[in-house]
PDB file of N, CA and C in Angstrom:
ATOM      1  N   UNK A   1       0.777  -1.102  -0.117  1.00  0.00           N
ATOM      2  CA  UNK A   1      -0.020   0.104  -0.004  1.00  0.00           C
ATOM      3  C   UNK A   1       0.844   1.292   0.000  1.00  0.00           C
ATOM      4  N   UNK A   2       0.340   2.281  -0.205  1.00  0.00           N
ATOM      5  CA  UNK A   2       0.894   3.594  -0.272  1.00  0.00           C
ATOM      6  C   UNK A   2       0.293   4.761   0.311  1.00  0.00           C
ATOM      7  N   UNK A   3       1.194   5.596   0.711  1.00  0.00           N
ATOM      8  CA  UNK A   3       0.687   7.065   1.233  1.00  0.00           C
ATOM      9  C   UNK A   3       0.758   7.924   0.051  1.00  0.00           C
ATOM     10  N   UNK A   4      -0.375   8.651  -0.198  1.00  0.00           N
ATOM     11  CA  UNK A   4      -0.413   9.626  -1.443  1.00  0.00           C
ATOM     12  C   UNK A   4      -0.648  10.994  -1.225  1.00  0.00           C
ATOM     13  N   UNK A   5       0.011  11.759  -1.916  1.00  0.00           N
ATOM     14  CA  UNK A   5      -0.127  13.226  -1.914  1.00  0.00           C
ATOM     15  C   UNK A   5      -0.347  13.761  -3.294  1.00  0.00           C
ATOM     16  N   UNK A   6      -1.587  14.561  -3.364  1.00  0.00           N
ATOM     17  CA  UNK A   6      -1.956  14.966  -4.753  1.00  0.00           C
ATOM     18  C   UNK A   6      -1.587  16.537  -4.817  1.00  0.00           C
ATOM     19  N   UNK A   7      -1.137  16.915  -5.939  1.00  0.00           N
ATOM     20  CA  UNK A   7      -0.938  18.294  -6.308  1.00  0.00           C
ATOM     21  C   UNK A   7      -1.840  18.736  -7.422  1.00  0.00           C
ATOM     22  N   UNK A   8      -2.605  19.621  -7.411  1.00  0.00           N
ATOM     23  CA  UNK A   8      -3.642  20.071  -8.400  1.00  0.00           C
ATOM     24  C   UNK A   8      -3.136  21.316  -9.105  1.00  0.00           C
ATOM     25  N   UNK A   9      -3.228  21.387 -10.451  1.00  0.00           N
ATOM     26  CA  UNK A   9      -2.954  22.442 -11.325  1.00  0.00           C
ATOM     27  C   UNK A   9      -3.819  22.758 -12.280  1.00  0.00           C
ATOM     28  N   UNK A  10      -4.001  23.954 -12.649  1.00  0.00           N
ATOM     29  CA  UNK A  10      -4.855  24.446 -13.758  1.00  0.00           C
ATOM     30  C   UNK A  10      -4.252  25.652 -14.435  1.00  0.00           C
ATOM     31  N   UNK A  11      -4.002  25.704 -15.696  1.00  0.00           N
ATOM     32  CA  UNK A  11      -4.607  24.650 -16.627  1.00  0.00           C
ATOM     33  C   UNK A  11      -3.731  23.530 -17.001  1.00  0.00           C
ATOM     34  N   UNK A  12      -2.509  23.586 -16.744  1.00  0.00           N
ATOM     35  CA  UNK A  12      -1.393  22.647 -17.156  1.00  0.00           C
ATOM     36  C   UNK A  12      -0.497  22.372 -16.065  1.00  0.00           C
ATOM     37  N   UNK A  13      -0.167  21.028 -15.945  1.00  0.00           N
ATOM     38  CA  UNK A  13       0.979  20.496 -15.006  1.00  0.00           C
ATOM     39  C   UNK A  13       2.227  21.033 -15.473  1.00  0.00           C
ATOM     40  N   UNK A  14       3.049  21.866 -14.591  1.00  0.00           N
ATOM     41  CA  UNK A  14       4.465  22.214 -15.036  1.00  0.00           C
ATOM     42  C   UNK A  14       5.403  20.911 -15.132  1.00  0.00           C
ATOM     43  N   UNK A  15       6.545  21.134 -15.521  1.00  0.00           N
ATOM     44  CA  UNK A  15       7.640  20.136 -15.449  1.00  0.00           C
ATOM     45  C   UNK A  15       7.854  19.848 -13.952  1.00  0.00           C
ATOM     46  N   UNK A  16       8.215  18.651 -13.648  1.00  0.00           N
ATOM     47  CA  UNK A  16       8.462  18.293 -12.131  1.00  0.00           C
ATOM     48  C   UNK A  16       9.554  17.322 -12.151  1.00  0.00           C
ATOM     49  N   UNK A  17      10.241  17.303 -10.967  1.00  0.00           N
ATOM     50  CA  UNK A  17      11.344  16.396 -10.640  1.00  0.00           C
ATOM     51  C   UNK A  17      11.133  15.913  -9.182  1.00  0.00           C
ATOM     52  N   UNK A  18      11.225  14.675  -9.026  1.00  0.00           N
ATOM     53  CA  UNK A  18      11.003  14.176  -7.665  1.00  0.00           C
ATOM     54  C   UNK A  18      12.185  13.282  -7.429  1.00  0.00           C
ATOM     55  N   UNK A  19      12.831  13.591  -6.351  1.00  0.00           N
ATOM     56  CA  UNK A  19      14.045  12.688  -5.954  1.00  0.00           C
ATOM     57  C   UNK A  19      14.403  12.970  -4.494  1.00  0.00           C
ATOM     58  N   UNK A  20      15.116  11.915  -3.996  1.00  0.00           N
ATOM     59  CA  UNK A  20      15.665  11.991  -2.638  1.00  0.00           C
ATOM     60  C   UNK A  20      16.889  13.006  -2.510  1.00  0.00           C
ATOM     61  N   UNK A  21      16.812  13.736  -1.391  1.00  0.00           N
ATOM     62  CA  UNK A  21      17.993  14.626  -1.218  1.00  0.00           C
ATOM     63  C   UNK A  21      18.407  14.458   0.166  1.00  0.00           C
ATOM     64  N   UNK A  22      19.781  14.708   0.400  1.00  0.00           N
ATOM     65  CA  UNK A  22      20.525  14.414   1.623  1.00  0.00           C
ATOM     66  C   UNK A  22      20.105  15.372   2.692  1.00  0.00           C
ATOM     67  N   UNK A  23      19.978  16.705   2.359  1.00  0.00           N
ATOM     68  CA  UNK A  23      19.483  17.588   3.473  1.00  0.00           C
ATOM     69  C   UNK A  23      18.643  18.622   2.734  1.00  0.00           C
ATOM     70  N   UNK A  24      17.373  18.720   3.263  1.00  0.00           N
ATOM     71  CA  UNK A  24      16.428  19.634   2.704  1.00  0.00           C
ATOM     72  C   UNK A  24      16.787  21.254   3.114  1.00  0.00           C
ATOM     73  N   UNK A  25      16.773  22.046   2.124  1.00  0.00           N
ATOM     74  CA  UNK A  25      17.224  23.455   2.289  1.00  0.00           C
ATOM     75  C   UNK A  25      16.104  24.395   1.767  1.00  0.00           C
ATOM     76  N   UNK A  26      15.928  25.614   2.388  1.00  0.00           N
ATOM     77  CA  UNK A  26      15.203  26.572   1.834  1.00  0.00           C
ATOM     78  C   UNK A  26      15.852  27.222   0.722  1.00  0.00           C
ATOM     79  N   UNK A  27      15.074  27.486  -0.485  1.00  0.00           N
ATOM     80  CA  UNK A  27      15.725  28.081  -1.582  1.00  0.00           C
ATOM     81  C   UNK A  27      15.882  29.565  -1.248  1.00  0.00           C
ATOM     82  N   UNK A  28      16.769  30.229  -1.965  1.00  0.00           N
ATOM     83  CA  UNK A  28      16.992  31.515  -1.688  1.00  0.00           C
ATOM     84  C   UNK A  28      18.033  31.667  -0.511  1.00  0.00           C
ATOM     85  N   UNK A  29      17.690  31.465   0.608  1.00  0.00           N
ATOM     86  CA  UNK A  29      18.464  31.469   1.802  1.00  0.00           C
ATOM     87  C   UNK A  29      19.594  30.339   1.907  1.00  0.00           C
ATOM     88  N   UNK A  30      19.241  29.238   1.440  1.00  0.00           N
ATOM     89  CA  UNK A  30      20.152  27.967   1.570  1.00  0.00           C
ATOM     90  C   UNK A  30      20.055  27.489   3.100  1.00  0.00           C
ATOM     91  N   UNK A  31      19.220  28.005   3.880  1.00  0.00           N
ATOM     92  CA  UNK A  31      19.167  27.535   5.185  1.00  0.00           C
ATOM     93  C   UNK A  31      18.623  26.098   5.293  1.00  0.00           C
ATOM     94  N   UNK A  32      19.108  25.215   6.232  1.00  0.00           N
ATOM     95  CA  UNK A  32      18.619  23.924   6.211  1.00  0.00           C
ATOM     96  C   UNK A  32      17.220  24.088   6.927  1.00  0.00           C
ATOM     97  N   UNK A  33      16.344  23.055   6.430  1.00  0.00           N
ATOM     98  CA  UNK A  33      14.934  22.979   7.024  1.00  0.00           C
ATOM     99  C   UNK A  33      14.794  22.035   8.125  1.00  0.00           C
ATOM    100  N   UNK A  34      13.978  22.251   9.118  1.00  0.00           N
ATOM    101  CA  UNK A  34      13.785  21.363  10.236  1.00  0.00           C
ATOM    102  C   UNK A  34      12.507  20.544   9.843  1.00  0.00           C
ATOM    103  N   UNK A  35      12.657  19.293   9.335  1.00  0.00           N
ATOM    104  CA  UNK A  35      11.594  18.564   8.799  1.00  0.00           C
ATOM    105  C   UNK A  35      11.689  17.219   9.653  1.00  0.00           C
ATOM    106  N   UNK A  36      10.448  16.799  10.092  1.00  0.00           N
ATOM    107  CA  UNK A  36      10.613  15.509  10.848  1.00  0.00           C
ATOM    108  C   UNK A  36      10.948  14.311   9.828  1.00  0.00           C
ATOM    109  N   UNK A  37      11.767  13.462  10.406  1.00  0.00           N
ATOM    110  CA  UNK A  37      12.124  12.278   9.550  1.00  0.00           C
ATOM    111  C   UNK A  37      13.625  12.259   9.412  1.00  0.00           C
ATOM    112  N   UNK A  38      14.189  11.102   8.778  1.00  0.00           N
ATOM    113  CA  UNK A  38      15.546  10.996   8.617  1.00  0.00           C
ATOM    114  C   UNK A  38      16.001  10.874   7.059  1.00  0.00           C
ATOM    115  N   UNK A  39      14.899  10.806   6.204  1.00  0.00           N
ATOM    116  CA  UNK A  39      15.115  10.685   4.826  1.00  0.00           C
ATOM    117  C   UNK A  39      14.105  11.626   4.105  1.00  0.00           C
ATOM    118  N   UNK A  40      14.538  12.427   3.056  1.00  0.00           N
ATOM    119  CA  UNK A  40      13.657  13.397   2.566  1.00  0.00           C
ATOM    120  C   UNK A  40      13.565  13.287   1.034  1.00  0.00           C
ATOM    121  N   UNK A  41      12.223  13.227   0.620  1.00  0.00           N
ATOM    122  CA  UNK A  41      11.901  13.261  -0.807  1.00  0.00           C
ATOM    123  C   UNK A  41      11.435  14.606  -1.162  1.00  0.00           C
ATOM    124  N   UNK A  42      12.099  15.070  -2.205  1.00  0.00           N
ATOM    125  CA  UNK A  42      11.958  16.516  -2.666  1.00  0.00           C
ATOM    126  C   UNK A  42      10.931  16.408  -4.016  1.00  0.00           C
ATOM    127  N   UNK A  43      10.038  17.214  -4.004  1.00  0.00           N
ATOM    128  CA  UNK A  43       9.004  17.361  -5.144  1.00  0.00           C
ATOM    129  C   UNK A  43       9.104  18.791  -5.717  1.00  0.00           C
ATOM    130  N   UNK A  44       9.694  18.875  -6.885  1.00  0.00           N
ATOM    131  CA  UNK A  44       9.962  20.202  -7.445  1.00  0.00           C
ATOM    132  C   UNK A  44       9.149  20.489  -8.809  1.00  0.00           C
ATOM    133  N   UNK A  45       8.382  21.647  -8.784  1.00  0.00           N
ATOM    134  CA  UNK A  45       7.594  21.931 -10.019  1.00  0.00           C
ATOM    135  C   UNK A  45       8.228  23.168 -10.536  1.00  0.00           C
ATOM    136  N   UNK A  46       8.349  23.158 -11.833  1.00  0.00           N
ATOM    137  CA  UNK A  46       8.907  24.608 -12.560  1.00  0.00           C
ATOM    138  C   UNK A  46       8.514  24.541 -14.047  1.00  0.00           C
ATOM    139  N   UNK A  47       8.000  25.576 -14.532  1.00  0.00           N
ATOM    140  CA  UNK A  47       7.691  26.811 -13.781  1.00  0.00           C
ATOM    141  C   UNK A  47       6.445  26.783 -12.972  1.00  0.00           C
ATOM    142  N   UNK A  48       6.467  27.113 -11.803  1.00  0.00           N
ATOM    143  CA  UNK A  48       5.189  27.022 -10.953  1.00  0.00           C
ATOM    144  C   UNK A  48       5.293  28.112  -9.767  1.00  0.00           C
ATOM    145  N   UNK A  49       4.243  28.664  -9.421  1.00  0.00           N
ATOM    146  CA  UNK A  49       4.182  29.551  -8.248  1.00  0.00           C
ATOM    147  C   UNK A  49       3.006  29.343  -7.508  1.00  0.00           C
ATOM    148  N   UNK A  50       3.171  29.730  -6.053  1.00  0.00           N
ATOM    149  CA  UNK A  50       2.014  29.639  -5.113  1.00  0.00           C
ATOM    150  C   UNK A  50       1.213  30.857  -4.992  1.00  0.00           C
ATOM    151  N   UNK A  51       1.332  31.638  -6.144  1.00  0.00           N
ATOM    152  CA  UNK A  51       0.574  32.942  -6.151  1.00  0.00           C
ATOM    153  C   UNK A  51       0.303  33.384  -7.652  1.00  0.00           C
ATOM    154  N   UNK A  52      -0.819  34.066  -7.822  1.00  0.00           N
ATOM    155  CA  UNK A  52      -1.065  34.509  -9.233  1.00  0.00           C
ATOM    156  C   UNK A  52      -0.345  35.770  -9.797  1.00  0.00           C
ATOM    157  N   UNK A  53      -0.709  36.193 -10.863  1.00  0.00           N
ATOM    158  CA  UNK A  53       0.031  37.315 -11.373  1.00  0.00           C
ATOM    159  C   UNK A  53      -0.297  38.706 -10.735  1.00  0.00           C
ATOM    160  N   UNK A  54      -1.257  38.790  -9.878  1.00  0.00           N
ATOM    161  CA  UNK A  54      -1.611  39.970  -8.971  1.00  0.00           C
ATOM    162  C   UNK A  54      -1.195  39.712  -7.717  1.00  0.00           C
ATOM    163  N   UNK A  55      -0.492  38.622  -7.330  1.00  0.00           N
ATOM    164  CA  UNK A  55       0.066  38.453  -5.917  1.00  0.00           C
ATOM    165  C   UNK A  55      -0.824  37.628  -5.051  1.00  0.00           C
ATOM    166  N   UNK A  56      -1.969  37.391  -5.470  1.00  0.00           N
ATOM    167  CA  UNK A  56      -2.926  36.516  -4.627  1.00  0.00           C
ATOM    168  C   UNK A  56      -2.509  35.139  -4.506  1.00  0.00           C
ATOM    169  N   UNK A  57      -2.441  34.643  -3.248  1.00  0.00           N
ATOM    170  CA  UNK A  57      -2.007  33.299  -2.984  1.00  0.00           C
ATOM    171  C   UNK A  57      -2.867  32.145  -3.496  1.00  0.00           C
ATOM    172  N   UNK A  58      -2.400  31.270  -4.238  1.00  0.00           N
ATOM    173  CA  UNK A  58      -3.101  30.172  -4.846  1.00  0.00           C
ATOM    174  C   UNK A  58      -2.912  28.938  -4.105  1.00  0.00           C
ATOM    175  N   UNK A  59      -2.061  28.952  -3.248  1.00  0.00           N
ATOM    176  CA  UNK A  59      -1.805  27.643  -2.533  1.00  0.00           C
ATOM    177  C   UNK A  59      -1.209  28.094  -1.019  1.00  0.00           C
ATOM    178  N   UNK A  60      -1.586  27.192  -0.114  1.00  0.00           N
ATOM    179  CA  UNK A  60      -0.922  27.498   1.248  1.00  0.00           C
ATOM    180  C   UNK A  60      -0.926  26.157   1.855  1.00  0.00           C
ATOM    181  N   UNK A  61      -0.002  25.977   2.816  1.00  0.00           N
ATOM    182  CA  UNK A  61       0.350  24.774   3.505  1.00  0.00           C
ATOM    183  C   UNK A  61       0.820  25.234   5.003  1.00  0.00           C
ATOM    184  N   UNK A  62       0.114  24.908   5.909  1.00  0.00           N
ATOM    185  CA  UNK A  62       0.659  25.289   7.294  1.00  0.00           C
ATOM    186  C   UNK A  62       2.129  25.090   7.411  1.00  0.00           C
ATOM    187  N   UNK A  63       2.772  26.002   8.226  1.00  0.00           N
ATOM    188  CA  UNK A  63       4.172  25.928   8.495  1.00  0.00           C
ATOM    189  C   UNK A  63       4.578  24.710   9.050  1.00  0.00           C
ATOM    190  N   UNK A  64       3.873  24.095   9.926  1.00  0.00           N
ATOM    191  CA  UNK A  64       4.195  22.738  10.617  1.00  0.00           C
ATOM    192  C   UNK A  64       3.082  21.705  10.219  1.00  0.00           C
ATOM    193  N   UNK A  65       3.101  21.211   8.967  1.00  0.00           N
ATOM    194  CA  UNK A  65       1.974  20.310   8.517  1.00  0.00           C
ATOM    195  C   UNK A  65       2.400  18.819   8.722  1.00  0.00           C
ATOM    196  N   UNK A  66       1.728  18.375   9.724  1.00  0.00           N
ATOM    197  CA  UNK A  66       1.856  16.810  10.061  1.00  0.00           C
ATOM    198  C   UNK A  66       1.026  16.122   8.932  1.00  0.00           C
ATOM    199  N   UNK A  67       1.755  15.166   8.165  1.00  0.00           N
ATOM    200  CA  UNK A  67       0.950  14.488   7.092  1.00  0.00           C
ATOM    201  C   UNK A  67       0.164  13.327   7.733  1.00  0.00           C
ATOM    202  N   UNK A  68       0.527  12.819   8.834  1.00  0.00           N
ATOM    203  CA  UNK A  68      -0.252  11.813   9.476  1.00  0.00           C
ATOM    204  C   UNK A  68      -0.652  10.622   8.632  1.00  0.00           C
ATOM    205  N   UNK A  69       0.473  10.262   7.724  1.00  0.00           N
ATOM    206  CA  UNK A  69       0.368   9.117   6.752  1.00  0.00           C
ATOM    207  C   UNK A  69       1.235   8.180   7.227  1.00  0.00           C
ATOM    208  N   UNK A  70       1.143   6.787   6.867  1.00  0.00           N
ATOM    209  CA  UNK A  70       2.053   5.931   7.257  1.00  0.00           C
ATOM    210  C   UNK A  70       3.458   6.037   6.878  1.00  0.00           C
ATOM    211  N   UNK A  71       3.726   6.347   5.701  1.00  0.00           N
ATOM    212  CA  UNK A  71       5.055   6.701   5.076  1.00  0.00           C
ATOM    213  C   UNK A  71       5.731   8.042   5.159  1.00  0.00           C
ATOM    214  N   UNK A  72       4.639   9.168   5.269  1.00  0.00           N
ATOM    215  CA  UNK A  72       5.082  10.646   5.263  1.00  0.00           C
ATOM    216  C   UNK A  72       4.622  11.135   6.507  1.00  0.00           C
ATOM    217  N   UNK A  73       5.828  11.603   7.208  1.00  0.00           N
ATOM    218  CA  UNK A  73       5.647  12.224   8.560  1.00  0.00           C
ATOM    219  C   UNK A  73       5.302  13.718   8.409  1.00  0.00           C
ATOM    220  N   UNK A  74       5.948  14.280   7.531  1.00  0.00           N
ATOM    221  CA  UNK A  74       5.656  15.814   7.427  1.00  0.00           C
ATOM    222  C   UNK A  74       5.954  16.302   6.072  1.00  0.00           C
ATOM    223  N   UNK A  75       5.192  17.331   5.681  1.00  0.00           N
ATOM    224  CA  UNK A  75       5.540  18.003   4.322  1.00  0.00           C
ATOM    225  C   UNK A  75       5.678  19.573   4.544  1.00  0.00           C
ATOM    226  N   UNK A  76       6.706  20.062   4.016  1.00  0.00           N
ATOM    227  CA  UNK A  76       6.994  21.457   3.995  1.00  0.00           C
ATOM    228  C   UNK A  76       7.301  22.011   2.642  1.00  0.00           C
ATOM    229  N   UNK A  77       6.792  23.268   2.421  1.00  0.00           N
ATOM    230  CA  UNK A  77       7.061  23.911   1.149  1.00  0.00           C
ATOM    231  C   UNK A  77       8.575  24.537   1.466  1.00  0.00           C
ATOM    232  N   UNK A  78       9.487  24.131   0.528  1.00  0.00           N
ATOM    233  CA  UNK A  78      10.738  24.689   0.742  1.00  0.00           C
ATOM    234  C   UNK A  78      11.079  25.788  -0.274  1.00  0.00           C
ATOM    235  N   UNK A  79      10.335  26.005  -1.368  1.00  0.00           N
ATOM    236  CA  UNK A  79      10.602  27.016  -2.241  1.00  0.00           C
ATOM    237  C   UNK A  79       9.275  27.628  -2.979  1.00  0.00           C
ATOM    238  N   UNK A  80       9.256  28.918  -3.187  1.00  0.00           N
ATOM    239  CA  UNK A  80       8.358  29.521  -4.135  1.00  0.00           C
ATOM    240  C   UNK A  80       9.067  30.763  -4.566  1.00  0.00           C
ATOM    241  N   UNK A  81      10.040  30.661  -5.478  1.00  0.00           N
ATOM    242  CA  UNK A  81      10.912  31.605  -5.918  1.00  0.00           C
ATOM    243  C   UNK A  81      11.335  31.495  -7.317  1.00  0.00           C
ATOM    244  N   UNK A  82      11.326  32.389  -8.240  1.00  0.00           N
ATOM    245  CA  UNK A  82      11.810  32.245  -9.515  1.00  0.00           C
ATOM    246  C   UNK A  82      11.134  31.225 -10.223  1.00  0.00           C
ATOM    247  N   UNK A  83       9.882  31.156 -10.310  1.00  0.00           N
ATOM    248  CA  UNK A  83       9.181  30.012 -11.111  1.00  0.00           C
ATOM    249  C   UNK A  83       9.363  28.650 -10.496  1.00  0.00           C
ATOM    250  N   UNK A  84       9.846  28.379  -9.210  1.00  0.00           N
ATOM    251  CA  UNK A  84      10.038  27.262  -8.809  1.00  0.00           C
ATOM    252  C   UNK A  84       9.284  27.038  -7.491  1.00  0.00           C
ATOM    253  N   UNK A  85       8.517  25.957  -7.477  1.00  0.00           N
ATOM    254  CA  UNK A  85       7.713  25.613  -6.317  1.00  0.00           C
ATOM    255  C   UNK A  85       8.155  24.142  -5.890  1.00  0.00           C
ATOM    256  N   UNK A  86       8.614  24.194  -4.643  1.00  0.00           N
ATOM    257  CA  UNK A  86       9.240  22.924  -4.071  1.00  0.00           C
ATOM    258  C   UNK A  86       8.671  22.501  -2.874  1.00  0.00           C
ATOM    259  N   UNK A  87       8.484  21.205  -2.596  1.00  0.00           N
ATOM    260  CA  UNK A  87       8.069  20.624  -1.278  1.00  0.00           C
ATOM    261  C   UNK A  87       9.058  19.552  -0.998  1.00  0.00           C
ATOM    262  N   UNK A  88       9.063  19.336   0.415  1.00  0.00           N
ATOM    263  CA  UNK A  88       9.968  18.206   0.941  1.00  0.00           C
ATOM    264  C   UNK A  88       9.021  17.316   1.679  1.00  0.00           C
ATOM    265  N   UNK A  89       9.066  16.020   1.586  1.00  0.00           N
ATOM    266  CA  UNK A  89       8.281  15.045   2.408  1.00  0.00           C
ATOM    267  C   UNK A  89       9.419  14.475   3.422  1.00  0.00           C
ATOM    268  N   UNK A  90       9.130  14.561   4.619  1.00  0.00           N
ATOM    269  CA  UNK A  90       9.991  13.919   5.689  1.00  0.00           C
ATOM    270  C   UNK A  90       9.485  12.484   5.904  1.00  0.00           C
ATOM    271  N   UNK A  91      10.524  11.503   5.823  1.00  0.00           N
ATOM    272  CA  UNK A  91      10.151  10.179   5.909  1.00  0.00           C
ATOM    273  C   UNK A  91      11.105   9.520   6.941  1.00  0.00           C
ATOM    274  N   UNK A  92      10.518   8.340   7.493  1.00  0.00           N
ATOM    275  CA  UNK A  92      11.520   7.656   8.535  1.00  0.00           C
ATOM    276  C   UNK A  92      12.560   6.765   7.728  1.00  0.00           C
ATOM    277  N   UNK A  93      12.300   6.313   6.581  1.00  0.00           N
ATOM    278  CA  UNK A  93      13.173   5.548   5.708  1.00  0.00           C
ATOM    279  C   UNK A  93      12.953   5.894   4.261  1.00  0.00           C
ATOM    280  N   UNK A  94      13.886   5.544   3.450  1.00  0.00           N
ATOM    281  CA  UNK A  94      13.879   5.742   1.956  1.00  0.00           C
ATOM    282  C   UNK A  94      12.815   4.494   1.708  1.00  0.00           C
ATOM    283  N   UNK A  95      11.971   4.875   0.704  1.00  0.00           N
ATOM    284  CA  UNK A  95      10.917   3.974   0.339  1.00  0.00           C
ATOM    285  C   UNK A  95      10.884   4.095  -1.271  1.00  0.00           C
ATOM    286  N   UNK A  96      10.261   3.126  -2.000  1.00  0.00           N
ATOM    287  CA  UNK A  96       9.984   3.250  -3.334  1.00  0.00           C
ATOM    288  C   UNK A  96       8.741   4.221  -3.423  1.00  0.00           C
ATOM    289  N   UNK A  97       8.883   4.873  -4.541  1.00  0.00           N
ATOM    290  CA  UNK A  97       7.694   5.891  -4.884  1.00  0.00           C
ATOM    291  C   UNK A  97       7.390   5.899  -6.294  1.00  0.00           C
ATOM    292  N   UNK A  98       6.099   6.244  -6.659  1.00  0.00           N
ATOM    293  CA  UNK A  98       5.736   6.357  -8.179  1.00  0.00           C
ATOM    294  C   UNK A  98       4.988   7.624  -8.198  1.00  0.00           C
ATOM    295  N   UNK A  99       4.709   8.049  -9.419  1.00  0.00           N
ATOM    296  CA  UNK A  99       4.111   9.187  -9.680  1.00  0.00           C
ATOM    297  C   UNK A  99       3.026   8.903 -10.694  1.00  0.00           C
ATOM    298  N   UNK A 100       1.850   9.456 -10.500  1.00  0.00           N
ATOM    299  CA  UNK A 100       0.630   9.240 -11.300  1.00  0.00           C
ATOM    300  C   UNK A 100       0.209  10.667 -11.817  1.00  0.00           C
ATOM    301  N   UNK A 101      -0.369  10.593 -13.112  1.00  0.00           N
ATOM    302  CA  UNK A 101      -0.862  11.808 -13.588  1.00  0.00           C
ATOM    303  C   UNK A 101      -2.472  11.637 -13.894  1.00  0.00           C
ATOM    304  N   UNK A 102      -3.225  12.539 -13.509  1.00  0.00           N
ATOM    305  CA  UNK A 102      -4.596  12.447 -13.707  1.00  0.00           C
ATOM    306  C   UNK A 102      -5.244  13.815 -14.315  1.00  0.00           C
ATOM    307  N   UNK A 103      -6.189  13.680 -15.172  1.00  0.00           N
ATOM    308  CA  UNK A 103      -6.806  14.935 -15.877  1.00  0.00           C
ATOM    309  C   UNK A 103      -8.240  14.944 -15.720  1.00  0.00           C
ATOM    310  N   UNK A 104      -8.825  15.978 -15.486  1.00  0.00           N
ATOM    311  CA  UNK A 104     -10.279  16.158 -15.388  1.00  0.00           C
ATOM    312  C   UNK A 104     -10.605  17.057 -16.620  1.00  0.00           C
ATOM    313  N   UNK A 105     -10.857  16.775 -17.740  1.00  0.00           N
ATOM    314  CA  UNK A 105     -11.032  17.587 -18.888  1.00  0.00           C
ATOM    315  C   UNK A 105     -12.250  18.619 -18.772  1.00  0.00           C
ATOM    316  N   UNK A 106     -13.303  18.270 -17.968  1.00  0.00           N
ATOM    317  CA  UNK A 106     -14.355  19.184 -17.794  1.00  0.00           C
ATOM    318  C   UNK A 106     -14.086  20.353 -16.914  1.00  0.00           C
ATOM    319  N   UNK A 107     -13.080  20.299 -16.105  1.00  0.00           N
ATOM    320  CA  UNK A 107     -12.711  21.281 -15.096  1.00  0.00           C
ATOM    321  C   UNK A 107     -11.404  21.871 -15.341  1.00  0.00           C
ATOM    322  N   UNK A 108     -10.525  21.392 -16.245  1.00  0.00           N
ATOM    323  CA  UNK A 108      -9.224  21.882 -16.687  1.00  0.00           C
ATOM    324  C   UNK A 108      -8.261  21.724 -15.455  1.00  0.00           C
ATOM    325  N   UNK A 109      -8.607  20.798 -14.555  1.00  0.00           N
ATOM    326  CA  UNK A 109      -7.712  20.419 -13.384  1.00  0.00           C
ATOM    327  C   UNK A 109      -6.878  19.288 -13.823  1.00  0.00           C
ATOM    328  N   UNK A 110      -5.469  19.344 -13.620  1.00  0.00           N
ATOM    329  CA  UNK A 110      -4.718  18.262 -13.812  1.00  0.00           C
ATOM    330  C   UNK A 110      -4.015  18.106 -12.486  1.00  0.00           C
ATOM    331  N   UNK A 111      -3.705  16.705 -12.220  1.00  0.00           N
ATOM    332  CA  UNK A 111      -3.226  16.458 -10.956  1.00  0.00           C
ATOM    333  C   UNK A 111      -1.967  15.526 -11.025  1.00  0.00           C
ATOM    334  N   UNK A 112      -0.999  15.738 -10.187  1.00  0.00           N
ATOM    335  CA  UNK A 112       0.096  14.848 -10.061  1.00  0.00           C
ATOM    336  C   UNK A 112      -0.003  14.217  -8.603  1.00  0.00           C
ATOM    337  N   UNK A 113       0.046  12.806  -8.619  1.00  0.00           N
ATOM    338  CA  UNK A 113      -0.152  12.126  -7.507  1.00  0.00           C
ATOM    339  C   UNK A 113       1.271  11.446  -7.119  1.00  0.00           C
ATOM    340  N   UNK A 114       1.772  11.648  -5.883  1.00  0.00           N
ATOM    341  CA  UNK A 114       3.083  11.089  -5.499  1.00  0.00           C
ATOM    342  C   UNK A 114       2.576   9.959  -4.469  1.00  0.00           C
ATOM    343  N   UNK A 115       2.942   8.827  -4.828  1.00  0.00           N
ATOM    344  CA  UNK A 115       2.660   7.661  -3.963  1.00  0.00           C
ATOM    345  C   UNK A 115       4.011   7.164  -3.398  1.00  0.00           C
ATOM    346  N   UNK A 116       3.973   7.038  -2.121  1.00  0.00           N
ATOM    347  CA  UNK A 116       5.246   6.584  -1.409  1.00  0.00           C
ATOM    348  C   UNK A 116       4.792   5.239  -0.590  1.00  0.00           C
ATOM    349  N   UNK A 117       5.668   4.169  -0.934  1.00  0.00           N
ATOM    350  CA  UNK A 117       5.284   2.973  -0.355  1.00  0.00           C
ATOM    351  C   UNK A 117       5.314   2.921   1.106  1.00  0.00           C
ATOM    352  N   UNK A 118       4.378   2.486   1.858  1.00  0.00           N
ATOM    353  CA  UNK A 118       4.213   2.397   3.247  1.00  0.00           C
ATOM    354  C   UNK A 118       5.176   1.346   3.866  1.00  0.00           C
ATOM    355  N   UNK A 119       5.652   1.544   4.976  1.00  0.00           N
ATOM    356  CA  UNK A 119       6.554   0.617   5.665  1.00  0.00           C
ATOM    357  C   UNK A 119       5.983  -0.721   5.807  1.00  0.00           C
TER     358      UNK A 119
END
């Protein structure tokens, strides 16, 4: 079984890269992030922003978001800068993951689903 996190986009899904990183850092400052877990899966979207062209927020995540999922302990946004939107998942251990793509033609919403294998 898997712990799943979905990212919704409209009208199109940006390019993305998902990989394990040694140490999660905040973009811009380069400061290390304090994320629960010992292994970190980074999900990066580009070009993508958490706000629209007039500065209105289109996405928000609490600063201390406990995922409460079997495989994912915590999720933090680590970047919203220069067309890059990045999140880091804190895990207890490295696990296999897969990525799915869903589309809803009637609503123009496209979804990226990241599934992390449960321990």
